[in-house]
Structure formats: structure tokens, C-alpha cells
Amino acid sequence: METRTEQRLLVAFTAALALATFFLVGETHWSSEKQLRAYVYIDPREAFHLDGQGALQVYSLIGNSGLTPATNVQRFAGIEVLPPTDTITQRSVREAGSTVIGPRSEITLIKNWADGQLSADQAQQIRKGDLRVYVFGKVYYDDVFGYHWESDFCNTYYGNEGFDHLEPTDTDPKHTSFGYLGWQAKPCEKGNEIKVRELNRHMREY
């Protein structure tokens, strides 16, 4: 016949086992969400007309490395030509509409500088590194588990090592313009963070 002490121990053990099972199930659930959810990233691509021979234009790649879609994807982006800085105070501009990025898929963001063409002096200073082209912004998106996410990005282009891309004209079929490739872009010191913007289902942050 069980003693009162043994009964208490049994009750305590049963409660502890139930609690452990609850947390194990919860952790398994969170682990599954982390493995399956959308992960949006922004990679720099080509920058064109860094010699002032056309409107300054920069390409970025927005991709989803996750296993489920990123929905309600909203893009904000800006371009500024500034001396070296670790703080971009200018605001990015929202790109029209929202979209969906499927798992292991990518879309292209094309951004034109609001001021149009670089001057000859600006182009020369960018080659020297005295001025830099900053491409920055935010991407907001939702995952299929009900979380809202925010990815910040900031990359900069400068330096004398770039590439000459072919841009034929009516008078010169071999005309080229100076620009940069994506791998020649450099991440800014600040402005490349990924975080939960708002939690509407669980009070938990990965």
C-alpha cells in the first residue's frame, strides 16, 4: 500500500512529465516553423551609368531562401550619392504594389536615382571614393505562420575597379558605359538587419 509521501512524489512526477511534454511539443512546433518559414534576403546587383552617360540605375535581387512563400511583400528603396557615412538619414520610397515571393525564388528591384545623371565631377569623385552611391531600404513581408518581418538593406558602390558594359548608340555601336557588378558592392556598416516587425500570433522572437 502506497504511503502518502509516495503518492505526493507520484503526483509531482506526473505533473513534471506533463509539463516537460508540453514544452517539448512547443519546441518541436517552433523548430518546425523556423525550418519552414520564409526567409527574405536582399543581394546587390549591377549599377549602371557611373560615368554620367545616362541615368544612374541600380539593380538589387530580393529572394526567399525559405521553404514556404513570403506574402504581402512590400519594398521601399532609395539611392543617394554622399560622402562616406555610416548613417543614411534620407527616407526610402515605397515601390508600387505588393507581391509574393515563392520558396527558393527571386525578384528584381530596379531603382533609378531621383536626380537622374551624375555630373562628371561626381563620377570622378565616386571613382576616387570621395563620394559613394548608397542603395538602401526595407522589405516587409509576412510568413505563412502569421508573423510580420522586416529586412533592412544598405549597400554602397565606389572605387576605380568596375566594368564597362556595352551600350551601342546610333553613332557608336561599340559605345560603353562604366558601372559596377554586384560582387563589387560593399555592405554598409549599418542598415542590414532582419527582425520581427510585429507578432500577431505568439509573443516569441526567433
C-alpha atoms as a PDB file:
ATOM      1  CA  MET A   1       0.000   0.000   0.000  1.00  0.00           C
ATOM      2  CA  GLU A   2       1.398   3.412  -1.070  1.00  0.00           C
ATOM      3  CA  THR A   3       2.269   5.872   1.621  1.00  0.00           C
ATOM      4  CA  ARG A   4       1.155   9.483   1.488  1.00  0.00           C
ATOM      5  CA  THR A   5       4.735  10.552   0.638  1.00  0.00           C
ATOM      6  CA  GLU A   6       4.868   8.129  -2.278  1.00  0.00           C
ATOM      7  CA  GLN A   7       1.550   9.448  -3.554  1.00  0.00           C
ATOM      8  CA  ARG A   8       2.833  13.013  -3.426  1.00  0.00           C
ATOM      9  CA  LEU A   9       6.002  12.023  -5.295  1.00  0.00           C
ATOM     10  CA  LEU A  10       3.934  10.272  -7.942  1.00  0.00           C
ATOM     11  CA  VAL A  11       1.710  13.316  -8.413  1.00  0.00           C
ATOM     12  CA  ALA A  12       4.746  15.611  -8.624  1.00  0.00           C
ATOM     13  CA  PHE A  13       6.448  13.313 -11.139  1.00  0.00           C
ATOM     14  CA  THR A  14       3.313  13.106 -13.273  1.00  0.00           C
ATOM     15  CA  ALA A  15       2.966  16.890 -13.291  1.00  0.00           C
ATOM     16  CA  ALA A  16       6.632  17.341 -14.183  1.00  0.00           C
ATOM     17  CA  LEU A  17       6.316  14.816 -17.006  1.00  0.00           C
ATOM     18  CA  ALA A  18       3.225  16.586 -18.379  1.00  0.00           C
ATOM     19  CA  LEU A  19       4.997  19.941 -18.223  1.00  0.00           C
ATOM     20  CA  ALA A  20       8.084  18.560 -19.985  1.00  0.00           C
ATOM     21  CA  THR A  21       5.893  17.046 -22.697  1.00  0.00           C
ATOM     22  CA  PHE A  22       4.125  20.388 -23.178  1.00  0.00           C
ATOM     23  CA  PHE A  23       7.402  22.253 -23.650  1.00  0.00           C
ATOM     24  CA  LEU A  24       8.774  19.520 -25.914  1.00  0.00           C
ATOM     25  CA  VAL A  25       5.741  19.773 -28.167  1.00  0.00           C
ATOM     26  CA  GLY A  26       6.049  23.560 -28.163  1.00  0.00           C
ATOM     27  CA  GLU A  27       9.736  23.498 -29.050  1.00  0.00           C
ATOM     28  CA  THR A  28       9.054  20.994 -31.827  1.00  0.00           C
ATOM     29  CA  HIS A  29       6.374  23.341 -33.167  1.00  0.00           C
ATOM     30  CA  TRP A  30       8.734  26.345 -33.093  1.00  0.00           C
ATOM     31  CA  SER A  31      11.527  24.318 -34.657  1.00  0.00           C
ATOM     32  CA  SER A  32       9.228  23.248 -37.467  1.00  0.00           C
ATOM     33  CA  GLU A  33       8.166  26.850 -38.130  1.00  0.00           C
ATOM     34  CA  LYS A  34      11.767  28.039 -38.191  1.00  0.00           C
ATOM     35  CA  GLN A  35      12.690  25.355 -40.710  1.00  0.00           C
ATOM     36  CA  LEU A  36       9.727  26.013 -42.982  1.00  0.00           C
ATOM     37  CA  ARG A  37       9.107  29.767 -42.850  1.00  0.00           C
ATOM     38  CA  ALA A  38      10.079  32.302 -45.498  1.00  0.00           C
ATOM     39  CA  TYR A  39      13.497  33.976 -45.217  1.00  0.00           C
ATOM     40  CA  VAL A  40      13.797  37.076 -47.395  1.00  0.00           C
ATOM     41  CA  TYR A  41      17.225  38.458 -48.312  1.00  0.00           C
ATOM     42  CA  ILE A  42      18.415  41.338 -50.494  1.00  0.00           C
ATOM     43  CA  ASP A  43      21.548  40.996 -52.637  1.00  0.00           C
ATOM     44  CA  PRO A  44      23.206  43.839 -54.562  1.00  0.00           C
ATOM     45  CA  ARG A  45      23.470  43.531 -58.333  1.00  0.00           C
ATOM     46  CA  GLU A  46      24.717  45.776 -61.142  1.00  0.00           C
ATOM     47  CA  ALA A  47      24.935  49.547 -61.014  1.00  0.00           C
ATOM     48  CA  PHE A  48      24.874  51.363 -64.369  1.00  0.00           C
ATOM     49  CA  HIS A  49      25.980  54.754 -65.735  1.00  0.00           C
ATOM     50  CA  LEU A  50      28.506  55.586 -63.051  1.00  0.00           C
ATOM     51  CA  ASP A  51      30.278  57.785 -65.587  1.00  0.00           C
ATOM     52  CA  GLY A  52      27.342  60.156 -66.036  1.00  0.00           C
ATOM     53  CA  GLN A  53      26.488  58.945 -69.531  1.00  0.00           C
ATOM     54  CA  GLY A  54      22.938  58.041 -68.578  1.00  0.00           C
ATOM     55  CA  ALA A  55      20.533  57.931 -65.653  1.00  0.00           C
ATOM     56  CA  LEU A  56      22.094  56.269 -62.592  1.00  0.00           C
ATOM     57  CA  GLN A  57      20.357  52.927 -62.149  1.00  0.00           C
ATOM     58  CA  VAL A  58      20.954  50.118 -59.642  1.00  0.00           C
ATOM     59  CA  TYR A  59      19.614  46.558 -59.582  1.00  0.00           C
ATOM     60  CA  SER A  60      19.028  44.541 -56.414  1.00  0.00           C
ATOM     61  CA  LEU A  61      17.835  40.967 -56.014  1.00  0.00           C
ATOM     62  CA  ILE A  62      15.134  40.135 -53.455  1.00  0.00           C
ATOM     63  CA  GLY A  63      14.980  36.422 -52.764  1.00  0.00           C
ATOM     64  CA  ASN A  64      13.282  33.932 -50.483  1.00  0.00           C
ATOM     65  CA  SER A  65      15.542  31.133 -49.248  1.00  0.00           C
ATOM     66  CA  GLY A  66      12.777  29.560 -47.175  1.00  0.00           C
ATOM     67  CA  LEU A  67      10.515  26.591 -47.912  1.00  0.00           C
ATOM     68  CA  THR A  68       7.205  28.492 -47.867  1.00  0.00           C
ATOM     69  CA  PRO A  69       6.077  31.676 -49.645  1.00  0.00           C
ATOM     70  CA  ALA A  70       6.713  35.214 -48.433  1.00  0.00           C
ATOM     71  CA  THR A  71       3.438  37.085 -48.863  1.00  0.00           C
ATOM     72  CA  ASN A  72       2.420  40.745 -48.862  1.00  0.00           C
ATOM     73  CA  VAL A  73       5.985  41.697 -49.814  1.00  0.00           C
ATOM     74  CA  GLN A  74       6.347  45.488 -49.735  1.00  0.00           C
ATOM     75  CA  ARG A  75       9.524  47.158 -50.976  1.00  0.00           C
ATOM     76  CA  PHE A  76      10.984  50.518 -50.010  1.00  0.00           C
ATOM     77  CA  ALA A  77      14.202  51.697 -51.678  1.00  0.00           C
ATOM     78  CA  GLY A  78      16.304  54.779 -52.234  1.00  0.00           C
ATOM     79  CA  ILE A  79      19.562  55.905 -53.853  1.00  0.00           C
ATOM     80  CA  GLU A  80      21.759  58.683 -52.540  1.00  0.00           C
ATOM     81  CA  VAL A  81      25.188  59.957 -53.609  1.00  0.00           C
ATOM     82  CA  LEU A  82      27.016  61.018 -50.447  1.00  0.00           C
ATOM     83  CA  PRO A  83      30.469  61.268 -48.871  1.00  0.00           C
ATOM     84  CA  PRO A  84      31.383  58.173 -46.801  1.00  0.00           C
ATOM     85  CA  THR A  85      28.934  57.800 -43.903  1.00  0.00           C
ATOM     86  CA  ASP A  86      27.546  55.108 -41.608  1.00  0.00           C
ATOM     87  CA  THR A  87      24.168  56.826 -41.240  1.00  0.00           C
ATOM     88  CA  ILE A  88      21.676  57.278 -44.056  1.00  0.00           C
ATOM     89  CA  THR A  89      19.154  59.889 -42.970  1.00  0.00           C
ATOM     90  CA  GLN A  90      17.219  60.035 -46.245  1.00  0.00           C
ATOM     91  CA  ARG A  91      13.960  58.133 -46.476  1.00  0.00           C
ATOM     92  CA  SER A  92      13.384  55.321 -48.916  1.00  0.00           C
ATOM     93  CA  VAL A  93      10.428  55.429 -51.305  1.00  0.00           C
ATOM     94  CA  ARG A  94       7.810  52.708 -51.465  1.00  0.00           C
ATOM     95  CA  GLU A  95       7.718  50.750 -54.694  1.00  0.00           C
ATOM     96  CA  ALA A  96       4.254  50.334 -56.193  1.00  0.00           C
ATOM     97  CA  GLY A  97       2.174  47.367 -55.103  1.00  0.00           C
ATOM     98  CA  SER A  98       2.912  44.286 -53.051  1.00  0.00           C
ATOM     99  CA  THR A  99       3.882  40.839 -54.264  1.00  0.00           C
ATOM    100  CA  VAL A 100       4.507  37.235 -53.299  1.00  0.00           C
ATOM    101  CA  ILE A 101       7.914  35.539 -53.455  1.00  0.00           C
ATOM    102  CA  GLY A 102       7.685  31.792 -53.660  1.00  0.00           C
ATOM    103  CA  PRO A 103      10.071  29.409 -51.895  1.00  0.00           C
ATOM    104  CA  ARG A 104      13.577  29.446 -53.364  1.00  0.00           C
ATOM    105  CA  SER A 105      12.542  32.233 -55.740  1.00  0.00           C
ATOM    106  CA  GLU A 106      13.804  35.718 -56.547  1.00  0.00           C
ATOM    107  CA  ILE A 107      12.548  39.001 -57.967  1.00  0.00           C
ATOM    108  CA  THR A 108      14.488  42.002 -59.261  1.00  0.00           C
ATOM    109  CA  LEU A 109      14.258  45.502 -57.827  1.00  0.00           C
ATOM    110  CA  ILE A 110      15.321  48.246 -60.263  1.00  0.00           C
ATOM    111  CA  LYS A 111      15.896  51.671 -58.757  1.00  0.00           C
ATOM    112  CA  ASN A 112      16.674  54.917 -60.585  1.00  0.00           C
ATOM    113  CA  TRP A 113      18.353  57.843 -58.878  1.00  0.00           C
ATOM    114  CA  ALA A 114      15.842  60.661 -58.416  1.00  0.00           C
ATOM    115  CA  ASP A 115      18.419  63.244 -59.544  1.00  0.00           C
ATOM    116  CA  GLY A 116      18.990  61.455 -62.850  1.00  0.00           C
ATOM    117  CA  GLN A 117      22.542  61.556 -64.176  1.00  0.00           C
ATOM    118  CA  LEU A 118      25.768  62.027 -62.291  1.00  0.00           C
ATOM    119  CA  SER A 119      27.838  65.050 -63.171  1.00  0.00           C
ATOM    120  CA  ALA A 120      31.348  64.497 -64.493  1.00  0.00           C
ATOM    121  CA  ASP A 121      32.735  65.731 -61.168  1.00  0.00           C
ATOM    122  CA  GLN A 122      30.518  63.349 -59.164  1.00  0.00           C
ATOM    123  CA  ALA A 123      31.538  60.427 -61.364  1.00  0.00           C
ATOM    124  CA  GLN A 124      35.209  61.221 -60.794  1.00  0.00           C
ATOM    125  CA  GLN A 125      34.757  61.534 -57.022  1.00  0.00           C
ATOM    126  CA  ILE A 126      32.972  58.160 -56.900  1.00  0.00           C
ATOM    127  CA  ARG A 127      35.933  56.542 -58.639  1.00  0.00           C
ATOM    128  CA  LYS A 128      38.233  58.118 -56.061  1.00  0.00           C
ATOM    129  CA  GLY A 129      35.987  57.064 -53.166  1.00  0.00           C
ATOM    130  CA  ASP A 130      35.310  60.638 -52.052  1.00  0.00           C
ATOM    131  CA  LEU A 131      31.647  60.084 -52.938  1.00  0.00           C
ATOM    132  CA  ARG A 132      29.714  56.832 -52.783  1.00  0.00           C
ATOM    133  CA  VAL A 133      26.462  55.567 -54.234  1.00  0.00           C
ATOM    134  CA  TYR A 134      24.258  54.255 -51.397  1.00  0.00           C
ATOM    135  CA  VAL A 135      21.369  51.934 -52.173  1.00  0.00           C
ATOM    136  CA  PHE A 136      19.187  51.312 -49.145  1.00  0.00           C
ATOM    137  CA  GLY A 137      15.701  50.451 -47.994  1.00  0.00           C
ATOM    138  CA  LYS A 138      13.407  47.951 -46.294  1.00  0.00           C
ATOM    139  CA  VAL A 139      11.410  44.915 -47.299  1.00  0.00           C
ATOM    140  CA  TYR A 140       8.346  43.991 -45.254  1.00  0.00           C
ATOM    141  CA  TYR A 141       6.730  40.588 -45.628  1.00  0.00           C
ATOM    142  CA  ASP A 142       4.514  38.027 -43.912  1.00  0.00           C
ATOM    143  CA  ASP A 143       5.231  34.344 -43.453  1.00  0.00           C
ATOM    144  CA  VAL A 144       2.596  31.587 -43.600  1.00  0.00           C
ATOM    145  CA  PHE A 145       2.640  31.256 -39.802  1.00  0.00           C
ATOM    146  CA  GLY A 146       1.288  34.751 -39.224  1.00  0.00           C
ATOM    147  CA  TYR A 147       4.486  36.671 -38.457  1.00  0.00           C
ATOM    148  CA  HIS A 148       5.364  40.046 -39.962  1.00  0.00           C
ATOM    149  CA  TRP A 149       9.047  40.504 -40.819  1.00  0.00           C
ATOM    150  CA  GLU A 150      11.237  43.449 -41.722  1.00  0.00           C
ATOM    151  CA  SER A 151      14.538  43.196 -43.618  1.00  0.00           C
ATOM    152  CA  ASP A 152      16.720  46.303 -43.888  1.00  0.00           C
ATOM    153  CA  PHE A 153      19.388  46.594 -46.554  1.00  0.00           C
ATOM    154  CA  CYS A 154      22.138  49.053 -47.420  1.00  0.00           C
ATOM    155  CA  ASN A 155      24.935  48.652 -49.957  1.00  0.00           C
ATOM    156  CA  THR A 156      27.408  51.079 -51.448  1.00  0.00           C
ATOM    157  CA  TYR A 157      29.261  51.356 -54.762  1.00  0.00           C
ATOM    158  CA  TYR A 158      32.524  53.225 -55.313  1.00  0.00           C
ATOM    159  CA  GLY A 159      36.109  52.798 -56.475  1.00  0.00           C
ATOM    160  CA  ASN A 160      38.047  52.677 -59.711  1.00  0.00           C
ATOM    161  CA  GLU A 161      37.563  48.965 -60.326  1.00  0.00           C
ATOM    162  CA  GLY A 162      34.306  48.429 -62.163  1.00  0.00           C
ATOM    163  CA  PHE A 163      33.294  47.213 -65.588  1.00  0.00           C
ATOM    164  CA  ASP A 164      32.484  48.736 -68.966  1.00  0.00           C
ATOM    165  CA  HIS A 165      29.195  47.421 -70.307  1.00  0.00           C
ATOM    166  CA  LEU A 166      28.266  47.689 -73.978  1.00  0.00           C
ATOM    167  CA  GLU A 167      25.628  50.298 -74.761  1.00  0.00           C
ATOM    168  CA  PRO A 168      25.512  50.829 -78.533  1.00  0.00           C
ATOM    169  CA  THR A 169      24.273  54.162 -79.845  1.00  0.00           C
ATOM    170  CA  ASP A 170      23.161  55.241 -83.301  1.00  0.00           C
ATOM    171  CA  THR A 171      26.584  56.750 -83.960  1.00  0.00           C
ATOM    172  CA  ASP A 172      28.781  54.321 -81.998  1.00  0.00           C
ATOM    173  CA  PRO A 173      27.847  50.605 -81.985  1.00  0.00           C
ATOM    174  CA  LYS A 174      30.760  49.904 -79.627  1.00  0.00           C
ATOM    175  CA  HIS A 175      29.907  52.568 -77.062  1.00  0.00           C
ATOM    176  CA  THR A 176      30.418  51.501 -73.446  1.00  0.00           C
ATOM    177  CA  SER A 177      29.439  52.925 -70.066  1.00  0.00           C
ATOM    178  CA  PHE A 178      31.150  52.422 -66.694  1.00  0.00           C
ATOM    179  CA  GLY A 179      29.408  50.600 -63.870  1.00  0.00           C
ATOM    180  CA  TYR A 180      29.805  48.031 -61.098  1.00  0.00           C
ATOM    181  CA  LEU A 181      28.946  44.372 -60.739  1.00  0.00           C
ATOM    182  CA  GLY A 182      27.021  43.055 -57.768  1.00  0.00           C
ATOM    183  CA  TRP A 183      30.029  41.456 -56.100  1.00  0.00           C
ATOM    184  CA  GLN A 184      31.822  44.821 -56.209  1.00  0.00           C
ATOM    185  CA  ALA A 185      29.184  46.406 -53.966  1.00  0.00           C
ATOM    186  CA  LYS A 186      30.054  46.675 -50.292  1.00  0.00           C
ATOM    187  CA  PRO A 187      27.634  46.344 -47.374  1.00  0.00           C
ATOM    188  CA  CYS A 188      27.139  49.489 -45.306  1.00  0.00           C
ATOM    189  CA  GLU A 189      28.359  49.457 -41.717  1.00  0.00           C
ATOM    190  CA  LYS A 190      24.728  49.746 -40.594  1.00  0.00           C
ATOM    191  CA  GLY A 191      21.387  49.001 -42.153  1.00  0.00           C
ATOM    192  CA  ASN A 192      21.433  45.255 -42.857  1.00  0.00           C
ATOM    193  CA  GLU A 193      19.156  43.775 -40.190  1.00  0.00           C
ATOM    194  CA  ILE A 194      16.345  41.233 -40.151  1.00  0.00           C
ATOM    195  CA  LYS A 195      13.797  41.371 -37.348  1.00  0.00           C
ATOM    196  CA  VAL A 196      10.230  40.660 -36.344  1.00  0.00           C
ATOM    197  CA  ARG A 197       8.219  43.814 -37.014  1.00  0.00           C
ATOM    198  CA  GLU A 198       5.078  42.721 -35.212  1.00  0.00           C
ATOM    199  CA  LEU A 199       3.927  39.474 -33.630  1.00  0.00           C
ATOM    200  CA  ASN A 200       0.262  38.767 -34.161  1.00  0.00           C
ATOM    201  CA  ARG A 201       0.181  35.120 -33.034  1.00  0.00           C
ATOM    202  CA  HIS A 202       2.910  34.397 -30.481  1.00  0.00           C
ATOM    203  CA  MET A 203       4.978  36.505 -28.118  1.00  0.00           C
ATOM    204  CA  ARG A 204       8.195  34.921 -29.203  1.00  0.00           C
ATOM    205  CA  GLU A 205      11.090  36.109 -31.369  1.00  0.00           C
ATOM    206  CA  TYR A 206      13.483  33.837 -33.210  1.00  0.00           C
END
